[in-house]
Amino acid sequence: MVKAHVSAHELAAGRYRLLEVFARETNRLWWYAEDVAAAQPRLVAQTALPEACAEETVRRVTARVVRTSQTMRLLRPGQVATVVDAVVEAGTLWTVTEWIDGTPLCELLDREGSFHPVRAARIGLELLDLLQVAHDEGITHGELSPGQVFVRDGGPVVVTGFGLAGATLVPRLTAPSYASPEQARDERIGPAADLWALGALLYTMVEGRPPFRDRGRPEATLKAVDRLPLRTPLRAGPLAQAVQGLLRKNSRERLTRPVVRAALTRALDEDGEEDRRPALVPRLRGGYPSMRLAGREGSRRAVAAGSALTVIAVAVAALAATHRLPGTGAAHEPERPAASATPTGRHPATPTATPTPTATASAPAPAALPAGYHRYTAPEGFSVALPHGWKRLVTSRVTDAYRVTFGPGGGAPTLAVTYSERVGPDPVAVWRDDVEPQLERLPGYQRVGSVRATTYQGHRAADLEWLAGTGDARVHTFGRGFLLGGHRGFSLRFTTAATAWDATGNRLALKTFLATFRVPRA
């Protein structure tokens, strides 16, 4: 178990004053803290890393945490805690997130024991909505537990911890009581593991205890999760079938999201006796100023002098931001995970039926657009020729990035245009190190060929092509990212059904998009 080897009020990473532990997990502590440099309250997760952790591993872990948080922030603003810093110091990963004006679910459960099923169902629906968006993006949380969920009065829940899965190189070591059986067996996980965790949270909320108790040693707890039968819920009421259906040992037999949603909605409709609690007041909301003052007296005691400090800059490249953003139904990029997909290796051989696009990076715009195309100029300033009938489907933006997805509606094909002002210096490295690790979590992911360096309209660029999904849901995507200078860059993703990749209309569309895309004037 991770030890609180720094005392409250000491500075972690030279700038974060730790005020109080609010959640304890097997290999992680969550702290209320203050950023003394910015004079801002923060939440800090302290995770013990494996001994002799290589520098490259450190870089990947911290970059993944920041990148995944930023992606989820784009997808679900206000419901995901933004990671503002990730630092490795003396074998410990410090993940710093913005302050959340809410109460950790673990604290509420400690206070109240258990929840009325209606209250649990409402929280469960909010979590299910968030997980739906993440899973559609190919992101599995993998660490969902009561310490990662914050409940607010008058607002949806906020979730922390996206990107932390696997940081300890042992699946769910941090909260083994909420691990899925496949995690207990150290198998590759996907959305079904998050659905198990949702079931475990619902169970805990209504029963007042997790479905599998912590046995003191992670390996013993994980063994129980994998092998022992589920203790029948006694207080779940209308949630009983949903909870038991989510906590099925075989991941293929777990309830699907639509079935879970229907069950939770019925629980709200059928049982009108909602548990009325007083407004939630986070324990430190009023106490933060006084704790901050007290902390300053102790700030002279820094974390052990001479500790090696590795600071990972909070930077999201434009290519990394090109994960799908929220839409309505299937009317956005259709890289949907399929429950029956079989994961593939990272560098498979290039399928013979999927040749590299023939459009050249520096091809000038044609004198006339192809028949059936019109030029669209976006309010953001870029322009591109689109087929008639295509429209702007989804727009998501944050301060320094945005993403616009176009298509006819109803699924593939789609074109996603992403802009960011935090682009890395090497477009090949961004695809390889930032984007592909996320794509590999998609069921059925298969890279087509290698990441290819190129130029595009005089700019440094790189291409990545891949397949994802299975059966009728299998899709083929071509992505091109290019740099404008000054950390600015664009990326274009064109996605079609895999079976229609070589269709004449789709090949013309890709060629036209690449030939006619124009960046905003400076």
Protein backbone atom coordinates (compact mmCIF):
# COMPACT_ATOMS: atom_id res chain seq x y z
CA MET A 1 0.00 0.00 0.00
CA VAL A 2 1.22 3.49 -0.79
CA LYS A 3 2.47 5.30 2.29
CA ALA A 4 1.86 8.96 3.07
CA HIS A 5 5.61 9.49 3.11
CA VAL A 6 5.05 13.23 2.91
CA SER A 7 3.25 14.89 5.79
CA ALA A 8 0.28 17.17 5.43
CA HIS A 9 1.42 20.73 4.69
CA GLU A 10 4.65 19.64 3.00
CA LEU A 11 5.26 20.57 -0.64
CA ALA A 12 5.03 17.85 -3.26
CA ALA A 13 6.97 18.52 -6.46
CA GLY A 14 8.14 21.75 -4.93
CA ARG A 15 4.81 23.60 -5.25
CA TYR A 16 1.82 21.57 -4.01
CA ARG A 17 1.01 21.84 -0.30
CA LEU A 18 -0.78 18.68 0.83
CA LEU A 19 -3.61 19.50 3.22
CA GLU A 20 -5.60 16.34 3.91
CA VAL A 21 -6.11 12.84 2.54
CA PHE A 22 -9.72 12.38 1.39
CA ALA A 23 -9.51 8.92 -0.21
CA ARG A 24 -7.25 5.93 0.35
CA GLU A 25 -6.81 3.08 -2.09
CA THR A 26 -4.39 0.19 -2.09
CA ASN A 27 -1.71 1.94 -4.09
CA ARG A 28 -2.94 5.53 -4.18
CA LEU A 29 -3.81 8.42 -1.90
CA TRP A 30 -5.99 11.38 -2.88
CA TRP A 31 -5.16 14.71 -1.22
CA TYR A 32 -6.81 18.07 -0.90
CA ALA A 33 -3.95 20.42 -1.72
CA GLU A 34 -2.94 23.93 -2.71
CA ASP A 35 -0.78 25.10 -5.59
CA VAL A 36 1.35 27.64 -3.75
CA ALA A 37 2.72 29.10 -6.99
CA ALA A 38 -0.74 29.81 -8.43
CA ALA A 39 -2.50 30.25 -5.05
CA GLN A 40 -5.20 27.81 -6.21
CA PRO A 41 -6.80 24.81 -4.48
CA ARG A 42 -6.07 21.47 -6.16
CA LEU A 43 -6.69 17.76 -5.84
CA VAL A 44 -3.57 15.61 -5.92
CA ALA A 45 -3.38 11.85 -6.51
CA GLN A 46 -0.27 10.18 -5.10
CA THR A 47 0.46 6.89 -6.91
CA ALA A 48 3.42 4.64 -6.14
CA LEU A 49 5.16 3.51 -9.33
CA PRO A 50 7.02 0.22 -9.74
CA GLU A 51 10.62 0.23 -8.58
CA ALA A 52 13.28 1.08 -11.16
CA CYS A 53 10.72 2.67 -13.44
CA ALA A 54 12.47 3.58 -16.71
CA GLU A 55 12.52 7.19 -17.84
CA GLU A 56 10.66 6.27 -21.02
CA THR A 57 7.95 4.58 -18.95
CA VAL A 58 7.68 7.68 -16.77
CA ARG A 59 7.28 9.84 -19.85
CA ARG A 60 4.59 7.64 -21.33
CA VAL A 61 2.63 7.34 -18.07
CA THR A 62 2.56 11.06 -17.36
CA ALA A 63 1.87 11.98 -20.97
CA ARG A 64 -1.02 9.50 -21.11
CA VAL A 65 -2.59 10.89 -17.95
CA VAL A 66 -2.49 14.45 -19.25
CA ARG A 67 -3.53 13.52 -22.79
CA THR A 68 -6.51 11.41 -21.72
CA SER A 69 -7.71 14.09 -19.32
CA GLN A 70 -7.56 16.72 -22.04
CA THR A 71 -9.41 14.47 -24.49
CA MET A 72 -12.16 13.78 -21.95
CA ARG A 73 -12.34 17.47 -21.12
CA LEU A 74 -13.12 18.14 -24.77
CA LEU A 75 -15.67 15.35 -24.80
CA ARG A 76 -17.47 16.16 -21.56
CA PRO A 77 -16.64 19.62 -20.20
CA GLY A 78 -17.65 20.04 -16.56
CA GLN A 79 -17.88 16.32 -15.83
CA VAL A 80 -14.21 15.35 -15.95
CA ALA A 81 -11.57 16.82 -13.67
CA THR A 82 -8.87 18.48 -15.75
CA VAL A 83 -5.30 17.37 -15.05
CA VAL A 84 -3.19 20.50 -14.75
CA ASP A 85 0.13 18.84 -13.94
CA ALA A 86 1.73 15.39 -13.78
CA VAL A 87 5.04 14.97 -11.99
CA VAL A 88 7.18 11.97 -11.12
CA GLU A 89 9.33 12.36 -8.04
CA ALA A 90 11.29 9.61 -6.29
CA GLY A 91 9.14 6.77 -7.63
CA THR A 92 5.84 8.55 -7.01
CA LEU A 93 3.45 9.87 -9.63
CA TRP A 94 1.74 13.09 -8.51
CA THR A 95 -1.31 13.82 -10.65
CA VAL A 96 -2.68 17.30 -10.04
CA THR A 97 -6.25 18.15 -11.02
CA GLU A 98 -8.38 21.24 -10.76
CA TRP A 99 -10.44 21.75 -7.62
CA ILE A 100 -13.90 20.14 -7.69
CA ASP A 101 -16.71 21.76 -5.77
CA GLY A 102 -18.20 18.46 -4.76
CA THR A 103 -17.93 15.65 -2.24
CA PRO A 104 -16.09 12.39 -2.96
CA LEU A 105 -18.49 9.46 -3.13
CA CYS A 106 -16.31 7.56 -0.68
CA GLU A 107 -16.74 10.37 1.86
CA LEU A 108 -20.51 10.41 1.42
CA LEU A 109 -20.68 6.66 1.93
CA ASP A 110 -18.54 6.92 5.06
CA ARG A 111 -20.91 9.60 6.32
CA GLU A 112 -24.25 8.05 5.38
CA GLY A 113 -23.59 4.33 5.12
CA SER A 114 -25.78 3.65 2.09
CA PHE A 115 -28.06 5.42 -0.40
CA HIS A 116 -31.69 5.05 -1.35
CA PRO A 117 -31.92 3.12 -4.68
CA VAL A 118 -33.38 6.17 -6.45
CA ARG A 119 -30.43 8.31 -5.46
CA ALA A 120 -28.02 5.55 -6.53
CA ALA A 121 -29.84 5.19 -9.86
CA ARG A 122 -29.53 8.93 -10.56
CA ILE A 123 -25.79 8.87 -9.92
CA GLY A 124 -25.50 5.67 -11.94
CA LEU A 125 -27.19 7.25 -14.96
CA GLU A 126 -24.81 10.21 -14.87
CA LEU A 127 -21.83 7.85 -14.71
CA LEU A 128 -23.27 5.74 -17.53
CA ASP A 129 -23.61 8.81 -19.76
CA LEU A 130 -20.00 9.74 -19.13
CA LEU A 131 -18.76 6.22 -19.75
CA GLN A 132 -20.77 6.08 -23.00
CA VAL A 133 -18.89 9.12 -24.32
CA ALA A 134 -15.52 7.71 -23.21
CA HIS A 135 -16.19 4.28 -24.71
CA ASP A 136 -17.35 5.77 -28.00
CA GLU A 137 -13.97 7.53 -28.04
CA GLY A 138 -12.13 4.26 -27.40
CA ILE A 139 -11.21 5.28 -23.84
CA THR A 140 -11.63 2.88 -20.92
CA HIS A 141 -11.40 4.44 -17.46
CA GLY A 142 -10.25 1.20 -15.85
CA GLU A 143 -9.92 2.68 -12.34
CA LEU A 144 -13.46 3.74 -11.45
CA SER A 145 -14.00 3.63 -7.68
CA PRO A 146 -15.72 5.75 -4.98
CA GLY A 147 -12.56 7.88 -4.63
CA GLN A 148 -12.78 8.91 -8.29
CA VAL A 149 -16.40 10.13 -8.24
CA PHE A 150 -17.43 13.54 -6.87
CA VAL A 151 -21.08 14.28 -6.16
CA ARG A 152 -22.24 17.89 -6.47
CA ASP A 153 -25.38 19.60 -5.24
CA GLY A 154 -27.35 20.76 -8.27
CA GLY A 155 -24.94 19.45 -10.89
CA PRO A 156 -23.80 16.19 -12.51
CA VAL A 157 -21.10 14.05 -10.96
CA VAL A 158 -17.46 14.78 -11.79
CA VAL A 159 -15.03 11.92 -12.42
CA THR A 160 -11.28 11.93 -11.93
CA GLY A 161 -8.64 9.35 -12.82
CA PHE A 162 -8.97 9.01 -16.60
CA GLY A 163 -5.61 7.84 -17.92
CA LEU A 164 -4.36 6.43 -14.60
CA ALA A 165 -5.21 2.83 -15.47
CA GLY A 166 -2.02 0.81 -15.77
CA ALA A 167 0.19 3.47 -14.19
CA THR A 168 1.31 0.87 -11.64
CA LEU A 169 1.62 -1.77 -14.39
CA VAL A 170 -0.81 -3.93 -12.42
CA PRO A 171 -4.46 -3.63 -13.48
CA ARG A 172 -6.63 -2.14 -10.76
CA LEU A 173 -4.08 -2.63 -8.03
CA THR A 174 -5.18 0.73 -6.63
CA ALA A 175 -8.77 -0.38 -5.94
CA PRO A 176 -8.95 -4.19 -6.18
CA SER A 177 -12.42 -4.38 -4.59
CA TYR A 178 -13.78 -2.68 -7.71
CA ALA A 179 -11.69 -4.64 -10.22
CA SER A 180 -13.43 -6.72 -12.84
CA PRO A 181 -12.65 -10.46 -13.04
CA GLU A 182 -10.70 -9.91 -16.27
CA GLN A 183 -8.57 -7.31 -14.49
CA ALA A 184 -8.08 -9.73 -11.61
CA ARG A 185 -6.69 -12.18 -14.18
CA ASP A 186 -4.43 -9.45 -15.64
CA GLU A 187 -6.14 -9.66 -19.02
CA ARG A 188 -6.58 -6.87 -21.52
CA ILE A 189 -9.61 -4.78 -20.59
CA GLY A 190 -12.21 -2.77 -22.43
CA PRO A 191 -15.56 -1.05 -21.81
CA ALA A 192 -16.96 -4.13 -20.08
CA ALA A 193 -14.53 -3.55 -17.19
CA ASP A 194 -16.00 -0.10 -16.65
CA LEU A 195 -19.51 -1.54 -16.68
CA TRP A 196 -18.45 -3.99 -13.97
CA ALA A 197 -17.07 -1.06 -11.95
CA LEU A 198 -20.36 0.81 -12.42
CA GLY A 199 -22.18 -2.25 -11.08
CA ALA A 200 -19.77 -2.39 -8.13
CA LEU A 201 -20.40 1.30 -7.38
CA LEU A 202 -24.18 0.81 -7.52
CA TYR A 203 -23.84 -2.21 -5.24
CA THR A 204 -21.74 -0.20 -2.78
CA MET A 205 -24.14 2.74 -2.79
CA VAL A 206 -27.21 0.66 -1.94
CA GLU A 207 -25.58 -1.99 0.27
CA GLY A 208 -23.07 0.22 2.09
CA ARG A 209 -20.18 -2.11 1.27
CA PRO A 210 -18.40 -3.21 -1.92
CA PRO A 211 -19.44 -6.48 -3.57
CA PHE A 212 -16.04 -7.99 -2.67
CA ARG A 213 -14.38 -6.82 0.51
CA ASP A 214 -10.77 -5.72 0.72
CA ARG A 215 -8.83 -8.68 2.13
CA GLY A 216 -5.73 -6.69 3.04
CA ARG A 217 -3.55 -8.01 0.24
CA PRO A 218 -4.33 -7.04 -3.36
CA GLU A 219 -3.70 -10.52 -4.69
CA ALA A 220 -6.15 -12.01 -2.16
CA THR A 221 -8.83 -9.45 -3.01
CA LEU A 222 -8.36 -9.96 -6.77
CA LYS A 223 -8.55 -13.74 -6.31
CA ALA A 224 -11.87 -13.30 -4.50
CA VAL A 225 -13.21 -11.05 -7.26
CA ASP A 226 -12.32 -13.67 -9.85
CA ARG A 227 -13.48 -16.80 -8.04
CA LEU A 228 -16.00 -16.11 -5.27
CA PRO A 229 -19.72 -15.78 -5.98
CA LEU A 230 -21.35 -12.39 -5.65
CA ARG A 231 -23.05 -11.69 -2.34
CA THR A 232 -26.73 -11.19 -3.16
CA PRO A 233 -27.70 -7.52 -2.77
CA LEU A 234 -30.37 -7.10 -0.07
CA ARG A 235 -31.20 -3.38 -0.30
CA ALA A 236 -31.02 -2.76 -4.03
CA GLY A 237 -34.80 -2.84 -4.57
CA PRO A 238 -35.55 -1.92 -8.21
CA LEU A 239 -31.81 -1.90 -8.97
CA ALA A 240 -31.22 -5.53 -8.01
CA GLN A 241 -31.40 -7.02 -11.53
CA ALA A 242 -29.26 -4.25 -13.04
CA VAL A 243 -26.59 -4.63 -10.35
CA GLN A 244 -26.46 -8.40 -10.68
CA GLY A 245 -26.45 -8.16 -14.48
CA LEU A 246 -23.49 -5.78 -14.45
CA LEU A 247 -21.56 -7.99 -12.01
CA ARG A 248 -21.52 -11.12 -14.13
CA LYS A 249 -18.09 -12.75 -14.15
CA ASN A 250 -18.10 -13.35 -17.91
CA SER A 251 -17.65 -9.96 -19.57
CA ARG A 252 -19.66 -11.09 -22.63
CA GLU A 253 -22.68 -11.79 -20.43
CA ARG A 254 -22.80 -8.39 -18.73
CA LEU A 255 -25.69 -6.09 -19.44
CA THR A 256 -25.17 -3.69 -22.31
CA ARG A 257 -25.35 0.07 -21.82
CA PRO A 258 -28.85 0.43 -23.36
CA VAL A 259 -30.22 -2.28 -21.06
CA VAL A 260 -28.57 -0.70 -18.03
CA ARG A 261 -29.91 2.72 -18.98
CA ALA A 262 -33.44 1.36 -19.29
CA ALA A 263 -33.17 -0.40 -15.91
CA LEU A 264 -31.87 2.69 -14.11
CA THR A 265 -34.53 4.88 -15.73
CA ARG A 266 -37.24 2.45 -14.64
CA ALA A 267 -35.89 2.61 -11.10
CA LEU A 268 -36.38 6.38 -11.13
CA ASP A 269 -39.88 6.11 -12.60
CA GLU A 270 -41.16 3.20 -10.52
CA ASP A 271 -40.02 4.36 -7.10
CA GLY A 272 -41.02 7.95 -6.46
CA GLU A 273 -39.87 7.91 -2.85
CA GLU A 274 -36.60 9.63 -3.36
CA ASP A 275 -34.26 9.93 -0.43
CA ARG A 276 -34.18 13.67 0.30
CA ARG A 277 -30.84 14.65 1.79
CA PRO A 278 -29.62 18.08 2.81
CA ALA A 279 -27.52 19.98 0.31
CA LEU A 280 -24.06 18.51 -0.07
CA VAL A 281 -21.33 20.51 1.59
CA PRO A 282 -17.79 19.33 0.82
CA ARG A 283 -15.99 18.97 4.11
CA LEU A 284 -13.16 21.30 3.11
CA ARG A 285 -15.21 23.92 1.29
CA GLY A 286 -15.44 26.15 4.35
CA GLY A 287 -12.25 24.92 5.95
CA TYR A 288 -9.94 25.48 3.01
CA PRO A 289 -8.88 29.07 3.89
CA SER A 290 -7.93 28.13 7.44
CA MET A 291 -6.14 24.98 6.33
CA ARG A 292 -4.30 27.06 3.75
CA LEU A 293 -3.12 29.44 6.46
CA ALA A 294 -2.07 26.59 8.70
CA GLY A 295 -0.28 24.98 5.79
CA ARG A 296 1.94 27.98 5.23
CA GLU A 297 3.50 27.49 8.63
CA GLY A 298 4.48 23.98 7.61
CA SER A 299 5.55 24.77 4.06
CA ARG A 300 9.16 25.23 5.12
CA ARG A 301 9.39 21.46 5.38
CA ALA A 302 9.81 20.46 1.75
CA VAL A 303 9.70 16.98 0.33
CA ALA A 304 13.04 15.21 0.86
CA ALA A 305 15.85 17.33 -0.54
CA GLY A 306 17.73 15.97 -3.50
CA SER A 307 14.81 13.99 -4.93
CA ALA A 308 15.00 13.79 -8.70
CA LEU A 309 12.14 15.74 -10.20
CA THR A 310 10.71 15.00 -13.61
CA VAL A 311 8.11 17.51 -14.73
CA ILE A 312 5.93 16.60 -17.66
CA ALA A 313 4.56 19.63 -19.48
CA VAL A 314 0.81 19.75 -19.93
CA ALA A 315 0.68 19.73 -23.76
CA VAL A 316 -1.87 18.21 -26.08
CA ALA A 317 -0.97 17.89 -29.74
CA ALA A 318 -3.56 18.49 -32.41
CA LEU A 319 -3.38 14.88 -33.50
CA ALA A 320 -4.03 13.70 -29.96
CA ALA A 321 -7.08 15.93 -29.83
CA THR A 322 -8.54 14.19 -32.87
CA HIS A 323 -10.20 11.46 -30.82
CA ARG A 324 -13.92 11.58 -31.48
CA LEU A 325 -15.85 14.34 -29.81
CA PRO A 326 -19.43 14.03 -28.59
CA GLY A 327 -22.23 13.89 -31.09
CA THR A 328 -25.76 12.64 -31.27
CA GLY A 329 -26.19 8.95 -31.81
CA ALA A 330 -24.00 7.67 -34.62
CA ALA A 331 -23.78 10.97 -36.43
CA HIS A 332 -20.09 11.39 -35.80
CA GLU A 333 -16.94 9.36 -36.38
CA PRO A 334 -18.09 5.75 -36.07
CA GLU A 335 -15.04 4.11 -34.47
CA ARG A 336 -17.30 2.23 -32.10
CA PRO A 337 -15.88 -0.47 -29.86
CA ALA A 338 -17.50 -3.84 -30.50
CA ALA A 339 -17.97 -6.22 -27.59
CA SER A 340 -16.94 -9.25 -29.62
CA ALA A 341 -13.81 -7.73 -31.10
CA THR A 342 -10.52 -9.53 -30.74
CA PRO A 343 -7.55 -7.22 -29.98
CA THR A 344 -4.72 -7.34 -32.46
CA GLY A 345 -1.05 -6.52 -32.27
CA ARG A 346 0.35 -3.04 -32.63
CA HIS A 347 2.14 -3.40 -35.96
CA PRO A 348 0.23 -5.87 -38.17
CA ALA A 349 1.02 -6.43 -41.79
CA THR A 350 -0.68 -4.08 -44.20
CA PRO A 351 -3.93 -5.63 -45.50
CA THR A 352 -3.74 -5.97 -49.27
CA ALA A 353 -7.25 -4.60 -49.73
CA THR A 354 -6.45 -1.23 -48.14
CA PRO A 355 -3.95 0.68 -50.30
CA THR A 356 -2.50 4.00 -49.17
CA PRO A 357 -4.43 7.03 -50.48
CA THR A 358 -3.05 8.36 -53.72
CA ALA A 359 -3.72 12.04 -53.01
CA THR A 360 -0.44 13.93 -52.83
CA ALA A 361 0.32 16.14 -49.85
CA SER A 362 1.20 19.21 -51.84
CA ALA A 363 -1.36 18.95 -54.64
CA PRO A 364 -2.74 22.36 -55.59
CA ALA A 365 -6.44 23.02 -55.39
CA PRO A 366 -8.16 22.02 -58.64
CA ALA A 367 -9.39 24.77 -60.92
CA ALA A 368 -12.92 23.42 -60.57
CA LEU A 369 -14.45 21.27 -57.84
CA PRO A 370 -15.65 17.78 -58.71
CA ALA A 371 -19.30 17.52 -59.68
CA GLY A 372 -21.48 17.31 -56.59
CA TYR A 373 -19.09 19.26 -54.33
CA HIS A 374 -19.26 22.76 -52.86
CA ARG A 375 -16.75 24.78 -50.88
CA TYR A 376 -17.61 25.22 -47.21
CA THR A 377 -15.97 28.02 -45.21
CA ALA A 378 -16.18 27.48 -41.46
CA PRO A 379 -16.66 30.32 -38.94
CA GLU A 380 -13.30 29.22 -37.53
CA GLY A 381 -11.68 30.32 -40.82
CA PHE A 382 -10.70 27.05 -42.51
CA SER A 383 -12.41 25.86 -45.67
CA VAL A 384 -12.82 22.56 -47.50
CA ALA A 385 -14.87 21.19 -50.38
CA LEU A 386 -17.68 18.91 -49.17
CA PRO A 387 -20.05 16.63 -51.08
CA HIS A 388 -23.58 17.96 -51.45
CA GLY A 389 -25.70 16.70 -48.58
CA TRP A 390 -22.84 16.81 -46.09
CA LYS A 391 -23.27 19.07 -43.09
CA ARG A 392 -21.57 20.14 -39.90
CA LEU A 393 -22.52 17.46 -37.37
CA VAL A 394 -20.55 18.09 -34.19
CA THR A 395 -18.49 20.98 -32.82
CA SER A 396 -16.44 20.83 -29.62
CA ARG A 397 -13.98 23.37 -28.38
CA VAL A 398 -11.81 24.46 -25.48
CA THR A 399 -9.67 27.57 -25.11
CA ASP A 400 -6.84 26.44 -27.37
CA ALA A 401 -8.41 23.71 -29.50
CA TYR A 402 -11.54 22.83 -31.41
CA ARG A 403 -12.89 20.00 -33.48
CA VAL A 404 -15.53 19.98 -36.22
CA THR A 405 -16.98 16.77 -37.70
CA PHE A 406 -18.76 16.69 -41.06
CA GLY A 407 -20.83 14.01 -42.75
CA PRO A 408 -24.18 13.15 -44.28
CA GLY A 409 -25.47 12.00 -40.89
CA GLY A 410 -26.31 8.51 -39.75
CA GLY A 411 -22.74 7.25 -39.46
CA ALA A 412 -19.82 6.85 -41.86
CA PRO A 413 -18.39 8.41 -43.90
CA THR A 414 -17.21 11.41 -41.87
CA LEU A 415 -14.47 14.03 -41.96
CA ALA A 416 -13.12 15.42 -38.67
CA VAL A 417 -11.08 18.65 -38.66
CA THR A 418 -9.15 19.42 -35.47
CA TYR A 419 -7.08 22.49 -34.60
CA SER A 420 -4.79 22.90 -31.58
CA GLU A 421 -2.33 25.46 -30.33
CA ARG A 422 -0.37 22.86 -28.33
CA VAL A 423 1.19 20.75 -31.03
CA GLY A 424 4.37 18.77 -30.50
CA PRO A 425 7.38 19.40 -32.76
CA ASP A 426 7.30 16.06 -34.61
CA PRO A 427 4.05 14.99 -36.36
CA VAL A 428 5.26 11.38 -36.67
CA ALA A 429 5.94 11.19 -32.93
CA VAL A 430 2.52 12.63 -32.13
CA TRP A 431 0.73 9.89 -34.07
CA ARG A 432 3.05 7.17 -32.75
CA ASP A 433 3.41 8.20 -29.09
CA ASP A 434 0.27 10.22 -28.33
CA VAL A 435 -2.52 8.99 -30.58
CA GLU A 436 -1.81 5.34 -31.32
CA PRO A 437 -1.64 4.19 -27.66
CA GLN A 438 -5.26 5.35 -27.37
CA LEU A 439 -6.27 3.78 -30.67
CA GLU A 440 -4.81 0.45 -29.56
CA ARG A 441 -7.51 0.29 -26.90
CA LEU A 442 -10.18 0.13 -29.61
CA PRO A 443 -11.41 -3.43 -30.16
CA GLY A 444 -10.11 -4.74 -33.45
CA TYR A 445 -7.56 -1.96 -33.86
CA GLN A 446 -5.10 -2.66 -36.70
CA ARG A 447 -2.62 -0.20 -38.08
CA VAL A 448 -2.34 -0.18 -41.88
CA GLY A 449 1.34 0.16 -42.75
CA SER A 450 3.56 2.56 -40.82
CA VAL A 451 3.32 6.16 -39.66
CA ARG A 452 4.42 8.04 -42.77
CA ALA A 453 6.24 11.39 -42.72
CA THR A 454 5.20 13.69 -45.54
CA THR A 455 4.63 17.34 -46.36
CA TYR A 456 1.31 19.04 -46.88
CA GLN A 457 0.89 22.44 -48.48
CA GLY A 458 4.50 23.18 -47.56
CA HIS A 459 4.10 22.08 -43.91
CA ARG A 460 5.64 19.13 -42.03
CA ALA A 461 3.04 16.40 -41.82
CA ALA A 462 2.47 12.73 -41.04
CA ASP A 463 -0.15 10.14 -42.01
CA LEU A 464 -1.61 7.25 -40.03
CA GLU A 465 -4.12 4.76 -41.39
CA TRP A 466 -5.97 2.12 -39.39
CA LEU A 467 -8.91 -0.26 -39.04
CA ALA A 468 -11.09 -0.65 -35.95
CA GLY A 469 -14.21 -2.50 -34.88
CA THR A 470 -15.53 -5.82 -36.11
CA GLY A 471 -18.20 -7.13 -38.45
CA ASP A 472 -20.58 -4.55 -39.88
CA ALA A 473 -19.17 -1.95 -37.47
CA ARG A 474 -15.60 -2.22 -38.79
CA VAL A 475 -14.31 1.12 -40.08
CA HIS A 476 -11.27 2.34 -41.98
CA THR A 477 -9.69 5.72 -41.14
CA PHE A 478 -7.01 7.81 -42.80
CA GLY A 479 -5.52 10.62 -40.70
CA ARG A 480 -3.19 13.44 -41.71
CA GLY A 481 -1.73 15.90 -39.21
CA PHE A 482 0.40 18.90 -40.12
CA LEU A 483 2.19 21.70 -38.31
CA LEU A 484 1.74 25.42 -38.90
CA GLY A 485 4.51 26.60 -36.57
CA GLY A 486 4.27 28.23 -33.18
CA HIS A 487 2.80 25.05 -31.65
CA ARG A 488 -0.21 25.33 -33.97
CA GLY A 489 -1.46 22.51 -36.13
CA PHE A 490 -4.39 20.83 -37.88
CA SER A 491 -5.36 17.24 -38.44
CA LEU A 492 -7.87 15.69 -40.83
CA ARG A 493 -9.49 12.28 -40.29
CA PHE A 494 -11.55 10.61 -42.98
CA THR A 495 -13.52 7.53 -41.86
CA THR A 496 -15.62 5.10 -43.90
CA ALA A 497 -17.07 1.66 -43.44
CA ALA A 498 -14.17 -0.74 -44.02
CA THR A 499 -16.08 -2.56 -46.76
CA ALA A 500 -16.62 0.71 -48.63
CA TRP A 501 -13.07 2.08 -48.32
CA ASP A 502 -12.23 1.48 -51.98
CA ALA A 503 -15.56 2.73 -53.31
CA THR A 504 -15.05 5.31 -56.05
CA GLY A 505 -17.04 7.97 -54.19
CA ASN A 506 -15.01 7.57 -51.00
CA ARG A 507 -11.67 7.67 -52.81
CA LEU A 508 -12.77 10.84 -54.57
CA ALA A 509 -13.91 12.35 -51.28
CA LEU A 510 -10.55 11.75 -49.57
CA LYS A 511 -8.63 13.10 -52.54
CA THR A 512 -10.85 16.17 -52.66
CA PHE A 513 -10.62 16.87 -48.94
CA LEU A 514 -6.82 16.77 -49.02
CA ALA A 515 -6.61 18.86 -52.18
CA THR A 516 -9.06 21.58 -51.13
CA PHE A 517 -8.52 22.04 -47.39
CA ARG A 518 -7.29 25.56 -46.62
CA VAL A 519 -6.17 26.86 -43.25
CA PRO A 520 -7.39 30.19 -41.82
CA ARG A 521 -5.44 33.24 -42.82
CA ALA A 522 -3.06 34.39 -40.09
